Structure formats: C-alpha cells, structure tokens
Amino acid sequence: MSNQTLISTAEFERIYEKWNRKVYQYALSKTSSTYIAEETVQRVFIKLWNNIFQKKVHVEIEAQLFCIARTTLLDIVKEERKRQDLLHVKVETDQVPTPSELYRLKELNERYEDIVSRMPESRRKVFMMSRFENLTYKEIAERLSITPKTVENHIALALKVLKKMFVFIVHLFF
C-alpha cells in the first residue's frame, strides 16, 4: 500500500461507512461517553483523510484507523481532563483563573504527565485505567489478569510518588 494514490471522495465515504460505527464503539467502550466517542470518530476520519491526502498511508486502513483512534482518544481524554480541572478551579474559587494561575496549572499538569509517563509500564497502565477510565480495582485486575491487591499496590505506589513530587512542585511554583 505504500504506493497508494489519492482515493476518491466516494471511496473515502465507503471507508467511513464501513468503519465509523466500529471506531465509535471502540471509543465508547473505553470512556462510556457518547460525546467523546463522537468527537473521536470525527477527529479520526479527519486525520485519516489528511494522511491519505498527504500519502502517509503505509499500512492497511483498519490498522491505521485504530492506531489513530487510540491516540486521538487519549488526546481527547486529556483535553477533557484539563477542561474539567479548569472548570473545577473556576467553580471552587468562583472566579476566572488569572493568566498566571492558568500558566501554573499548565505547568503543574505538564509535571503530572511527566511523572506518570516515567512510571513503570505496568504501574502507569493500572494508574491510567483507574484515573482516566474510572475502572474499579476489580475491573482493572480482570482486564490485566492480576489480583485486585496488585492493582491496589500499584495505585498506592503511584500516588506515593505523585504526592512527593507535587509537594515539591507546589513549594516551587506556589
């Protein structure tokens, strides 16, 4: 497929008709949010169209779709998390955050993401499933074929590291 030429709009529409529900179901199964699932479908097919238009299609459509869907879904979940965090700050303080507060929140979020990205893979996976997918320890244990106690230990270790780092960061930035 690496020599693929541009496809017609009709061909793209056939791809969309064939795959849009599956991408939607994938996103919905991961988040239980119809909004996020719909947003994921939109963005995935825009990215796919751009990839085809730029001749970046080097693998079969299904593989590319779900690779795009996975990364797009993670991006949307992060955006929603940030949006919710900012709304939470606004509700708590009953005022709009100042630019410096927004900058500090952005910095704090970047540090948080950095800390999480440095966790061992299994701990990071468990933590992300707990915090971003809102799965119970039992659900995580079943999905990863580990015990709920192992899930609990991973979460405890992740929170311990985050707590230490945030205490340090808060003293630096605030």
N, C-alpha and C. Protein backbone atom coordinates (compact mmCIF):
# COMPACT_ATOMS: atom_id res chain seq x y z
N MET A 1 0.80 -1.21 0.00
CA MET A 1 0.00 0.00 0.00
C MET A 1 0.84 1.27 0.00
N SER A 2 2.13 1.15 0.10
CA SER A 2 2.96 2.34 0.19
C SER A 2 2.94 3.17 -1.09
N ASN A 3 2.54 2.57 -2.22
CA ASN A 3 2.44 3.31 -3.47
C ASN A 3 1.02 3.81 -3.71
N GLN A 4 0.24 3.86 -2.69
CA GLN A 4 -1.16 4.23 -2.81
C GLN A 4 -1.30 5.65 -3.36
N THR A 5 -2.23 5.80 -4.28
CA THR A 5 -2.53 7.12 -4.81
C THR A 5 -3.68 7.69 -4.02
N LEU A 6 -3.98 8.94 -4.30
CA LEU A 6 -5.11 9.57 -3.62
C LEU A 6 -6.38 8.80 -3.94
N ILE A 7 -7.25 8.69 -2.96
CA ILE A 7 -8.51 7.99 -3.20
C ILE A 7 -9.61 9.00 -3.45
N SER A 8 -10.65 8.54 -4.07
CA SER A 8 -11.77 9.43 -4.37
C SER A 8 -12.59 9.68 -3.11
N THR A 9 -13.40 10.70 -3.18
CA THR A 9 -14.30 11.01 -2.07
C THR A 9 -15.26 9.85 -1.85
N ALA A 10 -15.73 9.25 -2.94
CA ALA A 10 -16.66 8.12 -2.83
C ALA A 10 -15.99 6.94 -2.12
N GLU A 11 -14.73 6.67 -2.43
CA GLU A 11 -14.01 5.59 -1.75
C GLU A 11 -13.85 5.91 -0.26
N PHE A 12 -13.54 7.15 0.04
CA PHE A 12 -13.39 7.55 1.44
C PHE A 12 -14.72 7.40 2.18
N GLU A 13 -15.82 7.77 1.52
CA GLU A 13 -17.14 7.62 2.13
C GLU A 13 -17.45 6.16 2.40
N ARG A 14 -17.02 5.25 1.51
CA ARG A 14 -17.22 3.82 1.75
C ARG A 14 -16.41 3.37 2.97
N ILE A 15 -15.20 3.87 3.09
CA ILE A 15 -14.38 3.54 4.27
C ILE A 15 -15.06 4.06 5.53
N TYR A 16 -15.56 5.28 5.46
CA TYR A 16 -16.25 5.87 6.60
C TYR A 16 -17.46 5.03 6.99
N GLU A 17 -18.29 4.68 6.01
CA GLU A 17 -19.50 3.89 6.28
C GLU A 17 -19.15 2.54 6.89
N LYS A 18 -18.06 1.94 6.42
CA LYS A 18 -17.67 0.63 6.91
C LYS A 18 -17.13 0.68 8.34
N TRP A 19 -16.40 1.75 8.70
CA TRP A 19 -15.64 1.76 9.94
C TRP A 19 -16.11 2.73 11.01
N ASN A 20 -16.97 3.69 10.71
CA ASN A 20 -17.28 4.72 11.70
C ASN A 20 -17.95 4.14 12.95
N ARG A 21 -18.84 3.18 12.81
CA ARG A 21 -19.51 2.59 13.99
C ARG A 21 -18.52 1.82 14.86
N LYS A 22 -17.57 1.15 14.21
CA LYS A 22 -16.59 0.37 14.98
C LYS A 22 -15.67 1.30 15.77
N VAL A 23 -15.27 2.42 15.17
CA VAL A 23 -14.45 3.39 15.88
C VAL A 23 -15.26 4.00 17.02
N TYR A 24 -16.53 4.30 16.74
CA TYR A 24 -17.41 4.85 17.77
C TYR A 24 -17.54 3.87 18.95
N GLN A 25 -17.80 2.60 18.64
CA GLN A 25 -17.96 1.59 19.70
C GLN A 25 -16.67 1.43 20.49
N TYR A 26 -15.53 1.49 19.82
CA TYR A 26 -14.23 1.39 20.49
C TYR A 26 -14.09 2.52 21.51
N ALA A 27 -14.33 3.75 21.06
CA ALA A 27 -14.19 4.91 21.95
C ALA A 27 -15.22 4.86 23.08
N LEU A 28 -16.43 4.46 22.76
CA LEU A 28 -17.48 4.37 23.77
C LEU A 28 -17.14 3.31 24.81
N SER A 29 -16.58 2.19 24.37
CA SER A 29 -16.23 1.13 25.32
C SER A 29 -15.11 1.56 26.26
N LYS A 30 -14.26 2.46 25.81
CA LYS A 30 -13.15 2.91 26.64
C LYS A 30 -13.55 4.02 27.59
N THR A 31 -14.56 4.83 27.23
CA THR A 31 -14.87 6.01 28.03
C THR A 31 -16.30 6.07 28.56
N SER A 32 -17.22 5.34 27.97
CA SER A 32 -18.65 5.40 28.30
C SER A 32 -19.22 6.80 28.08
N SER A 33 -18.59 7.56 27.20
CA SER A 33 -19.04 8.92 26.91
C SER A 33 -19.40 9.03 25.44
N THR A 34 -20.68 9.31 25.16
CA THR A 34 -21.09 9.46 23.76
C THR A 34 -20.42 10.68 23.14
N TYR A 35 -20.25 11.75 23.93
CA TYR A 35 -19.57 12.94 23.41
C TYR A 35 -18.15 12.61 22.96
N ILE A 36 -17.40 11.93 23.82
CA ILE A 36 -16.01 11.60 23.48
C ILE A 36 -15.97 10.62 22.31
N ALA A 37 -16.89 9.68 22.26
CA ALA A 37 -16.93 8.72 21.15
C ALA A 37 -17.20 9.44 19.83
N GLU A 38 -18.17 10.36 19.83
CA GLU A 38 -18.48 11.12 18.62
C GLU A 38 -17.30 12.00 18.20
N GLU A 39 -16.69 12.66 19.15
CA GLU A 39 -15.54 13.52 18.88
C GLU A 39 -14.38 12.68 18.33
N THR A 40 -14.19 11.49 18.87
CA THR A 40 -13.13 10.60 18.41
C THR A 40 -13.36 10.23 16.95
N VAL A 41 -14.58 9.83 16.61
CA VAL A 41 -14.89 9.46 15.22
C VAL A 41 -14.58 10.62 14.28
N GLN A 42 -15.04 11.80 14.65
CA GLN A 42 -14.79 12.98 13.80
C GLN A 42 -13.30 13.19 13.56
N ARG A 43 -12.55 13.23 14.63
CA ARG A 43 -11.12 13.51 14.52
C ARG A 43 -10.37 12.40 13.80
N VAL A 44 -10.75 11.15 14.05
CA VAL A 44 -10.07 10.02 13.42
C VAL A 44 -10.21 10.10 11.90
N PHE A 45 -11.42 10.36 11.43
CA PHE A 45 -11.61 10.38 9.98
C PHE A 45 -11.02 11.63 9.33
N ILE A 46 -10.95 12.71 10.06
CA ILE A 46 -10.25 13.89 9.54
C ILE A 46 -8.76 13.57 9.40
N LYS A 47 -8.19 12.95 10.44
CA LYS A 47 -6.77 12.58 10.39
C LYS A 47 -6.51 11.56 9.29
N LEU A 48 -7.40 10.59 9.14
CA LEU A 48 -7.23 9.58 8.10
C LEU A 48 -7.26 10.25 6.72
N TRP A 49 -8.22 11.15 6.52
CA TRP A 49 -8.31 11.86 5.24
C TRP A 49 -7.02 12.63 4.98
N ASN A 50 -6.54 13.33 5.99
CA ASN A 50 -5.29 14.08 5.83
C ASN A 50 -4.12 13.16 5.53
N ASN A 51 -4.06 12.01 6.19
CA ASN A 51 -2.99 11.05 5.92
C ASN A 51 -3.05 10.52 4.49
N ILE A 52 -4.26 10.22 4.03
CA ILE A 52 -4.42 9.73 2.67
C ILE A 52 -4.05 10.84 1.68
N PHE A 53 -4.52 12.04 1.96
CA PHE A 53 -4.25 13.18 1.08
C PHE A 53 -2.75 13.45 1.00
N GLN A 54 -2.06 13.27 2.12
CA GLN A 54 -0.61 13.51 2.15
C GLN A 54 0.19 12.26 1.82
N LYS A 55 -0.53 11.21 1.39
CA LYS A 55 0.10 9.94 1.01
C LYS A 55 0.91 9.33 2.14
N LYS A 56 0.38 9.43 3.35
CA LYS A 56 1.07 8.86 4.51
C LYS A 56 0.50 7.48 4.87
N VAL A 57 -0.34 6.92 4.01
CA VAL A 57 -0.94 5.63 4.29
C VAL A 57 0.04 4.55 3.87
N HIS A 58 0.62 3.85 4.84
CA HIS A 58 1.60 2.81 4.56
C HIS A 58 1.16 1.46 5.11
N VAL A 59 0.05 1.44 5.81
CA VAL A 59 -0.46 0.20 6.37
C VAL A 59 -1.93 0.09 5.99
N GLU A 60 -2.53 -1.06 6.23
CA GLU A 60 -3.92 -1.21 5.85
C GLU A 60 -4.80 -0.27 6.67
N ILE A 61 -5.92 0.09 6.08
CA ILE A 61 -6.82 1.09 6.65
C ILE A 61 -7.24 0.75 8.08
N GLU A 62 -7.62 -0.50 8.33
CA GLU A 62 -8.10 -0.88 9.67
C GLU A 62 -7.02 -0.63 10.73
N ALA A 63 -5.79 -1.04 10.44
CA ALA A 63 -4.70 -0.84 11.40
C ALA A 63 -4.47 0.65 11.63
N GLN A 64 -4.48 1.41 10.54
CA GLN A 64 -4.26 2.85 10.68
C GLN A 64 -5.40 3.50 11.45
N LEU A 65 -6.64 3.10 11.15
CA LEU A 65 -7.79 3.69 11.84
C LEU A 65 -7.70 3.51 13.35
N PHE A 66 -7.39 2.30 13.79
CA PHE A 66 -7.40 2.06 15.22
C PHE A 66 -6.15 2.59 15.91
N CYS A 67 -5.08 2.75 15.18
CA CYS A 67 -3.91 3.44 15.73
C CYS A 67 -4.25 4.92 15.93
N ILE A 68 -4.86 5.51 14.92
CA ILE A 68 -5.30 6.91 15.03
C ILE A 68 -6.35 7.04 16.13
N ALA A 69 -7.28 6.09 16.18
CA ALA A 69 -8.36 6.15 17.19
C ALA A 69 -7.78 6.11 18.59
N ARG A 70 -6.82 5.25 18.83
CA ARG A 70 -6.23 5.13 20.17
C ARG A 70 -5.56 6.43 20.60
N THR A 71 -4.72 6.98 19.72
CA THR A 71 -4.01 8.21 20.10
C THR A 71 -4.98 9.39 20.19
N THR A 72 -5.95 9.43 19.29
CA THR A 72 -6.94 10.51 19.33
C THR A 72 -7.77 10.44 20.60
N LEU A 73 -8.17 9.25 20.97
CA LEU A 73 -8.95 9.07 22.19
C LEU A 73 -8.17 9.53 23.42
N LEU A 74 -6.90 9.16 23.49
CA LEU A 74 -6.06 9.61 24.61
C LEU A 74 -5.96 11.14 24.64
N ASP A 75 -5.80 11.75 23.46
CA ASP A 75 -5.73 13.21 23.38
C ASP A 75 -7.02 13.85 23.87
N ILE A 76 -8.15 13.32 23.43
CA ILE A 76 -9.45 13.89 23.83
C ILE A 76 -9.66 13.72 25.33
N VAL A 77 -9.32 12.56 25.87
CA VAL A 77 -9.48 12.34 27.31
C VAL A 77 -8.62 13.34 28.09
N LYS A 78 -7.38 13.57 27.63
CA LYS A 78 -6.51 14.54 28.29
C LYS A 78 -7.12 15.94 28.21
N GLU A 79 -7.63 16.31 27.03
CA GLU A 79 -8.26 17.63 26.87
C GLU A 79 -9.45 17.78 27.81
N GLU A 80 -10.27 16.75 27.87
CA GLU A 80 -11.45 16.79 28.74
C GLU A 80 -11.04 16.90 30.20
N ARG A 81 -10.00 16.15 30.56
CA ARG A 81 -9.50 16.20 31.94
C ARG A 81 -9.04 17.62 32.29
N LYS A 82 -8.28 18.24 31.38
CA LYS A 82 -7.81 19.61 31.60
C LYS A 82 -8.98 20.57 31.69
N ARG A 83 -9.95 20.39 30.78
CA ARG A 83 -11.13 21.27 30.78
C ARG A 83 -11.89 21.13 32.10
N GLN A 84 -12.08 19.89 32.54
CA GLN A 84 -12.78 19.66 33.80
C GLN A 84 -12.00 20.24 34.98
N ASP A 85 -10.67 20.09 34.95
CA ASP A 85 -9.85 20.65 36.02
C ASP A 85 -9.99 22.17 36.07
N LEU A 86 -9.99 22.81 34.91
CA LEU A 86 -10.14 24.27 34.88
C LEU A 86 -11.53 24.69 35.33
N LEU A 87 -12.55 23.94 34.93
CA LEU A 87 -13.91 24.25 35.38
C LEU A 87 -14.00 24.08 36.89
N HIS A 88 -13.36 23.04 37.42
CA HIS A 88 -13.36 22.78 38.86
C HIS A 88 -12.72 23.95 39.60
N VAL A 89 -11.62 24.47 39.09
CA VAL A 89 -10.95 25.61 39.70
C VAL A 89 -11.88 26.81 39.69
N LYS A 90 -12.55 27.04 38.58
CA LYS A 90 -13.45 28.18 38.47
C LYS A 90 -14.60 28.06 39.46
N VAL A 91 -15.20 26.89 39.57
CA VAL A 91 -16.32 26.70 40.49
C VAL A 91 -15.86 26.88 41.93
N GLU A 92 -14.72 26.30 42.27
CA GLU A 92 -14.23 26.40 43.64
C GLU A 92 -13.91 27.83 44.05
N THR A 93 -13.28 28.58 43.16
CA THR A 93 -12.87 29.93 43.51
C THR A 93 -13.92 30.97 43.17
N ASP A 94 -14.93 30.55 42.38
CA ASP A 94 -16.00 31.45 41.97
C ASP A 94 -15.46 32.63 41.18
N GLN A 95 -14.33 32.43 40.53
CA GLN A 95 -13.78 33.48 39.67
C GLN A 95 -12.96 32.82 38.55
N VAL A 96 -12.73 33.58 37.51
CA VAL A 96 -11.94 33.07 36.39
C VAL A 96 -10.47 33.08 36.80
N PRO A 97 -9.76 31.97 36.51
CA PRO A 97 -8.33 31.95 36.86
C PRO A 97 -7.57 33.04 36.09
N THR A 98 -6.62 33.63 36.77
CA THR A 98 -5.79 34.65 36.12
C THR A 98 -4.83 33.97 35.15
N PRO A 99 -4.22 34.73 34.23
CA PRO A 99 -3.25 34.12 33.32
C PRO A 99 -2.10 33.43 34.06
N SER A 100 -1.64 34.01 35.15
CA SER A 100 -0.54 33.36 35.88
C SER A 100 -1.01 32.06 36.54
N GLU A 101 -2.27 32.04 37.03
CA GLU A 101 -2.81 30.81 37.59
C GLU A 101 -2.95 29.73 36.51
N LEU A 102 -3.42 30.15 35.33
CA LEU A 102 -3.54 29.20 34.22
C LEU A 102 -2.16 28.66 33.83
N TYR A 103 -1.18 29.53 33.83
CA TYR A 103 0.19 29.10 33.50
C TYR A 103 0.69 28.08 34.52
N ARG A 104 0.45 28.38 35.79
CA ARG A 104 0.89 27.45 36.84
C ARG A 104 0.14 26.12 36.74
N LEU A 105 -1.16 26.19 36.43
CA LEU A 105 -1.92 24.96 36.25
C LEU A 105 -1.39 24.16 35.06
N LYS A 106 -1.05 24.86 34.00
CA LYS A 106 -0.48 24.20 32.82
C LYS A 106 0.85 23.53 33.19
N GLU A 107 1.70 24.25 33.90
CA GLU A 107 2.99 23.70 34.33
C GLU A 107 2.79 22.49 35.24
N LEU A 108 1.85 22.62 36.15
CA LEU A 108 1.57 21.53 37.08
C LEU A 108 1.08 20.30 36.32
N ASN A 109 0.21 20.52 35.35
CA ASN A 109 -0.31 19.41 34.54
C ASN A 109 0.82 18.76 33.74
N GLU A 110 1.71 19.56 33.19
CA GLU A 110 2.84 19.01 32.43
C GLU A 110 3.75 18.18 33.34
N ARG A 111 3.98 18.65 34.55
CA ARG A 111 4.80 17.89 35.51
C ARG A 111 4.10 16.57 35.87
N TYR A 112 2.80 16.68 36.08
CA TYR A 112 2.00 15.48 36.39
C TYR A 112 2.14 14.45 35.28
N GLU A 113 1.94 14.89 34.03
CA GLU A 113 2.05 13.98 32.89
C GLU A 113 3.45 13.40 32.79
N ASP A 114 4.46 14.20 33.08
CA ASP A 114 5.84 13.72 33.05
C ASP A 114 6.06 12.63 34.11
N ILE A 115 5.56 12.88 35.31
CA ILE A 115 5.72 11.91 36.39
C ILE A 115 5.03 10.60 36.02
N VAL A 116 3.81 10.70 35.52
CA VAL A 116 3.06 9.50 35.14
C VAL A 116 3.78 8.77 34.02
N SER A 117 4.31 9.49 33.05
CA SER A 117 4.99 8.84 31.92
C SER A 117 6.26 8.11 32.34
N ARG A 118 6.85 8.50 33.47
CA ARG A 118 8.09 7.87 33.95
C ARG A 118 7.83 6.65 34.83
N MET A 119 6.57 6.40 35.15
CA MET A 119 6.25 5.23 35.98
C MET A 119 6.55 3.96 35.19
N PRO A 120 6.86 2.87 35.89
CA PRO A 120 6.99 1.60 35.19
C PRO A 120 5.70 1.32 34.41
N GLU A 121 5.83 0.67 33.28
CA GLU A 121 4.70 0.48 32.38
C GLU A 121 3.47 -0.13 33.06
N SER A 122 3.66 -1.16 33.84
CA SER A 122 2.50 -1.81 34.47
C SER A 122 1.83 -0.87 35.48
N ARG A 123 2.61 -0.12 36.24
CA ARG A 123 2.05 0.82 37.21
C ARG A 123 1.31 1.94 36.48
N ARG A 124 1.93 2.45 35.42
CA ARG A 124 1.30 3.53 34.65
C ARG A 124 -0.02 3.05 34.07
N LYS A 125 -0.03 1.84 33.51
CA LYS A 125 -1.24 1.30 32.90
C LYS A 125 -2.35 1.18 33.94
N VAL A 126 -2.02 0.63 35.10
CA VAL A 126 -3.01 0.48 36.17
C VAL A 126 -3.51 1.85 36.62
N PHE A 127 -2.59 2.78 36.82
CA PHE A 127 -2.96 4.13 37.27
C PHE A 127 -3.88 4.81 36.25
N MET A 128 -3.52 4.72 34.97
CA MET A 128 -4.33 5.37 33.92
C MET A 128 -5.72 4.74 33.84
N MET A 129 -5.79 3.42 33.97
CA MET A 129 -7.10 2.76 33.92
C MET A 129 -7.96 3.19 35.10
N SER A 130 -7.33 3.39 36.24
CA SER A 130 -8.07 3.82 37.42
C SER A 130 -8.52 5.27 37.31
N ARG A 131 -7.58 6.13 36.93
CA ARG A 131 -7.88 7.57 36.95
C ARG A 131 -8.56 8.10 35.70
N PHE A 132 -8.23 7.57 34.53
CA PHE A 132 -8.77 8.11 33.30
C PHE A 132 -9.93 7.31 32.74
N GLU A 133 -9.97 6.02 33.04
CA GLU A 133 -11.08 5.21 32.57
C GLU A 133 -12.08 4.95 33.68
N ASN A 134 -11.73 5.39 34.90
CA ASN A 134 -12.60 5.24 36.08
C ASN A 134 -13.00 3.79 36.32
N LEU A 135 -12.06 2.87 36.11
CA LEU A 135 -12.34 1.47 36.36
C LEU A 135 -12.08 1.15 37.83
N THR A 136 -12.81 0.18 38.33
CA THR A 136 -12.59 -0.27 39.71
C THR A 136 -11.35 -1.15 39.74
N TYR A 137 -10.83 -1.37 40.94
CA TYR A 137 -9.67 -2.24 41.07
C TYR A 137 -9.98 -3.63 40.52
N LYS A 138 -11.18 -4.10 40.77
CA LYS A 138 -11.58 -5.43 40.29
C LYS A 138 -11.59 -5.47 38.76
N GLU A 139 -12.16 -4.43 38.13
CA GLU A 139 -12.20 -4.38 36.67
C GLU A 139 -10.79 -4.34 36.07
N ILE A 140 -9.93 -3.56 36.68
CA ILE A 140 -8.55 -3.47 36.21
C ILE A 140 -7.87 -4.83 36.35
N ALA A 141 -8.05 -5.44 37.50
CA ALA A 141 -7.45 -6.75 37.75
C ALA A 141 -7.90 -7.77 36.70
N GLU A 142 -9.18 -7.76 36.39
CA GLU A 142 -9.71 -8.70 35.39
C GLU A 142 -9.11 -8.43 34.01
N ARG A 143 -9.05 -7.16 33.63
CA ARG A 143 -8.52 -6.81 32.30
C ARG A 143 -7.04 -7.16 32.16
N LEU A 144 -6.29 -7.00 33.24
CA LEU A 144 -4.85 -7.22 33.17
C LEU A 144 -4.42 -8.59 33.70
N SER A 145 -5.39 -9.38 34.12
CA SER A 145 -5.12 -10.72 34.67
C SER A 145 -4.15 -10.67 35.85
N ILE A 146 -4.44 -9.76 36.77
CA ILE A 146 -3.68 -9.64 38.01
C ILE A 146 -4.67 -9.61 39.16
N THR A 147 -4.18 -9.65 40.38
CA THR A 147 -5.09 -9.63 41.52
C THR A 147 -5.48 -8.19 41.87
N PRO A 148 -6.63 -8.01 42.49
CA PRO A 148 -7.03 -6.67 42.94
C PRO A 148 -6.00 -6.08 43.92
N LYS A 149 -5.37 -6.94 44.71
CA LYS A 149 -4.34 -6.47 45.66
C LYS A 149 -3.15 -5.88 44.90
N THR A 150 -2.77 -6.50 43.79
CA THR A 150 -1.68 -5.97 42.96
C THR A 150 -2.07 -4.61 42.40
N VAL A 151 -3.32 -4.48 41.97
CA VAL A 151 -3.82 -3.19 41.48
C VAL A 151 -3.72 -2.16 42.59
N GLU A 152 -4.18 -2.52 43.77
CA GLU A 152 -4.12 -1.62 44.92
C GLU A 152 -2.69 -1.18 45.22
N ASN A 153 -1.75 -2.12 45.16
CA ASN A 153 -0.34 -1.79 45.40
C ASN A 153 0.21 -0.83 44.35
N HIS A 154 -0.13 -1.08 43.07
CA HIS A 154 0.32 -0.18 42.00
C HIS A 154 -0.22 1.24 42.22
N ILE A 155 -1.48 1.34 42.57
CA ILE A 155 -2.10 2.66 42.79
C ILE A 155 -1.44 3.34 43.99
N ALA A 156 -1.23 2.61 45.05
CA ALA A 156 -0.60 3.19 46.24
C ALA A 156 0.80 3.71 45.93
N LEU A 157 1.57 2.93 45.19
CA LEU A 157 2.93 3.37 44.83
C LEU A 157 2.89 4.58 43.90
N ALA A 158 1.97 4.58 42.95
CA ALA A 158 1.84 5.71 42.03
C ALA A 158 1.47 6.98 42.79
N LEU A 159 0.51 6.86 43.70
CA LEU A 159 0.08 8.03 44.47
C LEU A 159 1.17 8.52 45.41
N LYS A 160 1.95 7.60 45.95
CA LYS A 160 3.05 7.98 46.83
C LYS A 160 4.07 8.84 46.08
N VAL A 161 4.42 8.40 44.87
CA VAL A 161 5.38 9.16 44.05
C VAL A 161 4.79 10.51 43.66
N LEU A 162 3.53 10.50 43.23
CA LEU A 162 2.88 11.76 42.84
C LEU A 162 2.79 12.73 44.01
N LYS A 163 2.47 12.23 45.17
CA LYS A 163 2.35 13.09 46.35
C LYS A 163 3.68 13.75 46.67
N LYS A 164 4.76 12.97 46.67
CA LYS A 164 6.08 13.53 46.95
C LYS A 164 6.45 14.60 45.94
N MET A 165 6.22 14.29 44.67
CA MET A 165 6.59 15.24 43.62
C MET A 165 5.73 16.49 43.68
N PHE A 166 4.45 16.34 43.96
CA PHE A 166 3.58 17.50 44.00
C PHE A 166 3.86 18.40 45.19
N VAL A 167 4.21 17.83 46.31
CA VAL A 167 4.58 18.65 47.46
C VAL A 167 5.78 19.51 47.08
N PHE A 168 6.75 18.91 46.44
CA PHE A 168 7.95 19.63 45.99
C PHE A 168 7.60 20.69 44.96
N ILE A 169 6.79 20.33 43.97
CA ILE A 169 6.42 21.26 42.90
C ILE A 169 5.59 22.41 43.42
N VAL A 170 4.65 22.12 44.30
CA VAL A 170 3.79 23.18 44.84
C VAL A 170 4.63 24.21 45.59
N HIS A 171 5.63 23.76 46.32
CA HIS A 171 6.50 24.70 47.01
C HIS A 171 7.31 25.55 46.03
N LEU A 172 7.65 24.98 44.90
CA LEU A 172 8.41 25.74 43.90
C LEU A 172 7.55 26.76 43.17
N PHE A 173 6.34 26.33 42.76
CA PHE A 173 5.52 27.17 41.90
C PHE A 173 4.51 28.04 42.65
N PHE A 174 4.12 27.65 43.82
CA PHE A 174 3.05 28.39 44.51
C PHE A 174 3.58 28.91 45.79
